[in-house]
Amino acid sequence: MDSMMIIMILLAIQTILLFITVGILFKTIDKLKKNDKEQK
């Protein structure tokens, strides 16, 4: 029972970190696109 709880917590942490990294990636991509438009 305890091992299952630990696995569930680890999975939750992994998914949260994944969402955070994806959000940062999209923000940086948007910034890069804006910079490209300004440069051209």
N, C-alpha and C. Protein backbone atom coordinates (compact mmCIF):
# COMPACT_ATOMS: atom_id res chain seq x y z
N MET A 1 0.85 -1.21 0.00
CA MET A 1 0.00 0.00 0.00
C MET A 1 0.89 1.26 0.00
N ASP A 2 1.90 1.28 0.85
CA ASP A 2 2.78 2.45 0.93
C ASP A 2 3.53 2.65 -0.38
N SER A 3 4.02 1.55 -0.97
CA SER A 3 4.77 1.66 -2.23
C SER A 3 3.87 2.23 -3.34
N MET A 4 2.60 1.84 -3.36
CA MET A 4 1.67 2.37 -4.37
C MET A 4 1.50 3.88 -4.20
N MET A 5 1.38 4.32 -2.95
CA MET A 5 1.23 5.76 -2.67
C MET A 5 2.45 6.52 -3.17
N ILE A 6 3.65 5.98 -2.90
CA ILE A 6 4.90 6.63 -3.32
C ILE A 6 4.92 6.74 -4.85
N ILE A 7 4.55 5.66 -5.54
CA ILE A 7 4.54 5.65 -7.01
C ILE A 7 3.57 6.72 -7.53
N MET A 8 2.37 6.79 -6.92
CA MET A 8 1.36 7.78 -7.35
C MET A 8 1.89 9.20 -7.16
N ILE A 9 2.54 9.46 -6.01
CA ILE A 9 3.09 10.79 -5.72
C ILE A 9 4.16 11.13 -6.74
N LEU A 10 5.05 10.18 -7.03
CA LEU A 10 6.12 10.41 -8.02
C LEU A 10 5.54 10.72 -9.39
N LEU A 11 4.52 9.97 -9.79
CA LEU A 11 3.86 10.22 -11.09
C LEU A 11 3.24 11.61 -11.12
N ALA A 12 2.60 12.01 -10.04
CA ALA A 12 1.98 13.34 -9.97
C ALA A 12 3.05 14.42 -10.12
N ILE A 13 4.18 14.26 -9.40
CA ILE A 13 5.27 15.24 -9.48
C ILE A 13 5.80 15.30 -10.91
N GLN A 14 5.99 14.15 -11.55
CA GLN A 14 6.50 14.10 -12.92
C GLN A 14 5.57 14.84 -13.88
N THR A 15 4.26 14.61 -13.76
CA THR A 15 3.30 15.27 -14.66
C THR A 15 3.30 16.77 -14.44
N ILE A 16 3.39 17.20 -13.17
CA ILE A 16 3.41 18.64 -12.87
C ILE A 16 4.65 19.27 -13.49
N LEU A 17 5.82 18.63 -13.31
CA LEU A 17 7.06 19.15 -13.89
C LEU A 17 6.95 19.20 -15.41
N LEU A 18 6.34 18.18 -16.02
CA LEU A 18 6.16 18.14 -17.47
C LEU A 18 5.33 19.34 -17.94
N PHE A 19 4.21 19.60 -17.24
CA PHE A 19 3.35 20.74 -17.62
C PHE A 19 4.12 22.05 -17.51
N ILE A 20 4.93 22.20 -16.43
CA ILE A 20 5.71 23.44 -16.23
C ILE A 20 6.70 23.62 -17.37
N THR A 21 7.43 22.54 -17.71
CA THR A 21 8.44 22.64 -18.78
C THR A 21 7.77 22.95 -20.12
N VAL A 22 6.63 22.32 -20.39
CA VAL A 22 5.90 22.58 -21.65
C VAL A 22 5.46 24.04 -21.71
N GLY A 23 4.94 24.57 -20.59
CA GLY A 23 4.51 25.96 -20.53
C GLY A 23 5.67 26.91 -20.80
N ILE A 24 6.84 26.63 -20.19
CA ILE A 24 8.03 27.48 -20.41
C ILE A 24 8.44 27.40 -21.88
N LEU A 25 8.41 26.20 -22.46
CA LEU A 25 8.78 26.02 -23.87
C LEU A 25 7.88 26.86 -24.77
N PHE A 26 6.56 26.81 -24.55
CA PHE A 26 5.63 27.57 -25.39
C PHE A 26 5.88 29.07 -25.25
N LYS A 27 6.17 29.53 -24.00
CA LYS A 27 6.44 30.96 -23.78
C LYS A 27 7.69 31.38 -24.56
N THR A 28 8.75 30.57 -24.48
CA THR A 28 10.00 30.92 -25.17
C THR A 28 9.79 30.90 -26.69
N ILE A 29 9.01 29.94 -27.19
CA ILE A 29 8.73 29.85 -28.64
C ILE A 29 7.99 31.12 -29.08
N ASP A 30 6.99 31.54 -28.29
CA ASP A 30 6.23 32.76 -28.62
C ASP A 30 7.17 33.97 -28.67
N LYS A 31 8.09 34.07 -27.70
CA LYS A 31 9.04 35.18 -27.67
C LYS A 31 9.92 35.16 -28.92
N LEU A 32 10.40 33.96 -29.27
CA LEU A 32 11.27 33.83 -30.46
C LEU A 32 10.51 34.25 -31.72
N LYS A 33 9.26 33.82 -31.84
CA LYS A 33 8.44 34.18 -33.02
C LYS A 33 8.28 35.70 -33.10
N LYS A 34 7.99 36.33 -31.96
CA LYS A 34 7.82 37.79 -31.92
C LYS A 34 9.13 38.48 -32.35
N ASN A 35 10.25 37.99 -31.84
CA ASN A 35 11.56 38.58 -32.18
C ASN A 35 11.82 38.44 -33.68
N ASP A 36 11.50 37.28 -34.25
CA ASP A 36 11.71 37.05 -35.69
C ASP A 36 10.90 38.06 -36.51
N LYS A 37 9.64 38.28 -36.12
CA LYS A 37 8.77 39.22 -36.85
C LYS A 37 9.36 40.64 -36.78
N GLU A 38 9.84 41.03 -35.60
CA GLU A 38 10.41 42.38 -35.42
C GLU A 38 11.68 42.55 -36.25
N GLN A 39 12.53 41.52 -36.27
CA GLN A 39 13.79 41.60 -37.01
C GLN A 39 13.52 41.73 -38.52
N LYS A 40 12.54 40.99 -39.03
CA LYS A 40 12.23 41.03 -40.47
C LYS A 40 11.45 42.31 -40.79
